[in-house]
Amino acid sequence: MDLVLGSRNENGWAVLEVQGEVDLYTSSQLRDAITRVTEEGENRIVVDLNNVSFMDSSGLGVLVAGLKRARERGGEMALVFREGSVQKVLGITGLDKVFPTHRSVGEATGGR
């Protein structure tokens, strides 16, 4: 399955919308999107994973690297997801305790 990425700004946050599967073959696209956003000077990033059907360890690595990159620039990164496979993999790895997590983009950006 292909990965579809979109981006927008909401309440002072760069929002990356991710749809599809984030795996060994597609994770570089997500990495490039996070890099692009940070290079554009955005330091508050929300990654919306609500439409991700599968994520493997390469996707998790990209998220961790993105968080590190954002923090090095004085920023932050939050994840948005509902119950399902993404929640499960983040919970198993303990990354749900590392990232601020939310159920909606509005909640993450303070817009409710």
Protein backbone atom coordinates (compact mmCIF):
# COMPACT_ATOMS: atom_id res chain seq x y z
CA MET A 1 0.00 0.00 0.00
CA ASP A 2 1.21 3.48 -0.79
CA LEU A 3 1.84 6.15 1.78
CA VAL A 4 -0.04 9.43 1.34
CA LEU A 5 1.24 12.50 3.17
CA GLY A 6 -0.34 15.89 3.58
CA SER A 7 0.63 18.93 5.60
CA ARG A 8 -1.03 22.03 6.92
CA ASN A 9 -0.75 24.49 9.78
CA GLU A 10 -3.23 24.56 12.63
CA ASN A 11 -3.06 26.83 15.67
CA GLY A 12 0.69 27.37 15.25
CA TRP A 13 1.49 23.68 14.71
CA ALA A 14 2.69 21.98 11.55
CA VAL A 15 0.35 19.02 11.04
CA LEU A 16 1.56 16.05 9.00
CA GLU A 17 -1.33 13.82 7.94
CA VAL A 18 -0.24 10.26 7.24
CA GLN A 19 -2.36 7.68 5.43
CA GLY A 20 -1.49 4.08 4.55
CA GLU A 21 1.29 1.82 5.79
CA VAL A 22 4.50 3.10 7.33
CA ASP A 23 7.07 0.38 6.76
CA LEU A 24 10.57 -0.25 5.47
CA TYR A 25 9.52 0.81 1.97
CA THR A 26 7.61 3.97 2.86
CA SER A 27 9.15 5.27 6.09
CA SER A 28 11.70 7.36 4.18
CA GLN A 29 8.82 9.46 2.83
CA LEU A 30 7.70 10.25 6.37
CA ARG A 31 11.29 10.99 7.39
CA ASP A 32 11.64 13.40 4.46
CA ALA A 33 8.37 15.14 5.38
CA ILE A 34 9.45 15.64 9.00
CA THR A 35 12.87 16.88 7.87
CA ARG A 36 11.28 19.32 5.41
CA VAL A 37 8.96 20.74 8.06
CA THR A 38 11.77 21.27 10.56
CA GLU A 39 14.01 22.81 7.90
CA GLU A 40 11.20 25.26 7.14
CA GLY A 41 11.51 26.44 10.74
CA GLU A 42 8.50 24.67 12.21
CA ASN A 43 9.31 23.52 15.72
CA ARG A 44 5.90 22.27 16.86
CA ILE A 45 4.83 19.24 14.88
CA VAL A 46 1.78 16.99 15.08
CA VAL A 47 1.91 13.70 13.22
CA ASP A 48 -1.65 12.53 12.56
CA LEU A 49 -1.56 8.72 12.38
CA ASN A 50 -5.33 8.17 12.48
CA ASN A 51 -5.34 6.80 8.93
CA VAL A 52 -2.28 4.58 9.28
CA SER A 53 -3.23 0.92 8.96
CA PHE A 54 0.21 -0.53 9.77
CA MET A 55 3.52 0.67 11.21
CA ASP A 56 6.70 -1.33 11.65
CA SER A 57 9.95 -0.62 13.48
CA SER A 58 11.32 1.53 10.66
CA GLY A 59 8.33 3.86 11.08
CA LEU A 60 8.89 3.98 14.82
CA GLY A 61 12.53 4.86 14.20
CA VAL A 62 11.51 7.74 11.95
CA LEU A 63 9.18 9.10 14.64
CA VAL A 64 11.86 8.87 17.33
CA ALA A 65 14.40 10.60 15.06
CA GLY A 66 11.81 13.29 14.27
CA LEU A 67 11.16 13.87 17.97
CA LYS A 68 14.89 14.19 18.60
CA ARG A 69 15.24 16.61 15.68
CA ALA A 70 12.34 18.75 16.91
CA ARG A 71 13.68 18.85 20.47
CA GLU A 72 17.18 19.78 19.27
CA ARG A 73 15.57 22.84 17.71
CA GLY A 74 13.70 23.74 20.89
CA GLY A 75 10.44 22.26 19.63
CA GLU A 76 8.17 19.36 20.28
CA MET A 77 6.36 16.61 18.43
CA ALA A 78 3.01 15.07 19.30
CA LEU A 79 1.24 12.04 17.84
CA VAL A 80 -2.44 11.65 17.09
CA PHE A 81 -4.02 8.21 16.83
CA ARG A 82 -7.06 6.22 17.90
CA GLU A 83 -7.31 2.68 19.15
CA GLY A 84 -5.88 0.16 16.72
CA SER A 85 -2.62 -1.11 15.34
CA VAL A 86 -0.67 2.13 15.82
CA GLN A 87 -1.76 2.37 19.43
CA LYS A 88 -0.79 -1.25 19.97
CA VAL A 89 2.73 -0.94 18.54
CA LEU A 90 3.39 2.32 20.42
CA GLY A 91 2.13 0.73 23.64
CA ILE A 92 4.20 -2.45 23.25
CA THR A 93 7.37 -0.44 22.65
CA GLY A 94 6.63 2.09 25.40
CA LEU A 95 6.79 4.98 22.95
CA ASP A 96 3.32 6.08 23.99
CA LYS A 97 5.07 7.30 27.17
CA VAL A 98 7.79 9.15 25.23
CA PHE A 99 5.56 11.15 22.89
CA PRO A 100 2.68 13.39 23.86
CA THR A 101 -0.31 11.51 22.41
CA HIS A 102 -3.78 12.71 21.55
CA ARG A 103 -7.00 11.43 20.01
CA SER A 104 -7.47 14.36 17.60
CA VAL A 105 -5.42 17.05 15.91
CA GLY A 106 -7.56 19.71 17.58
CA GLU A 107 -6.75 18.28 20.98
CA ALA A 108 -3.04 18.18 20.12
CA THR A 109 -2.92 21.77 18.85
CA GLY A 110 -5.11 23.22 21.58
CA GLY A 111 -7.95 23.91 19.18
CA ARG A 112 -10.13 21.10 20.58
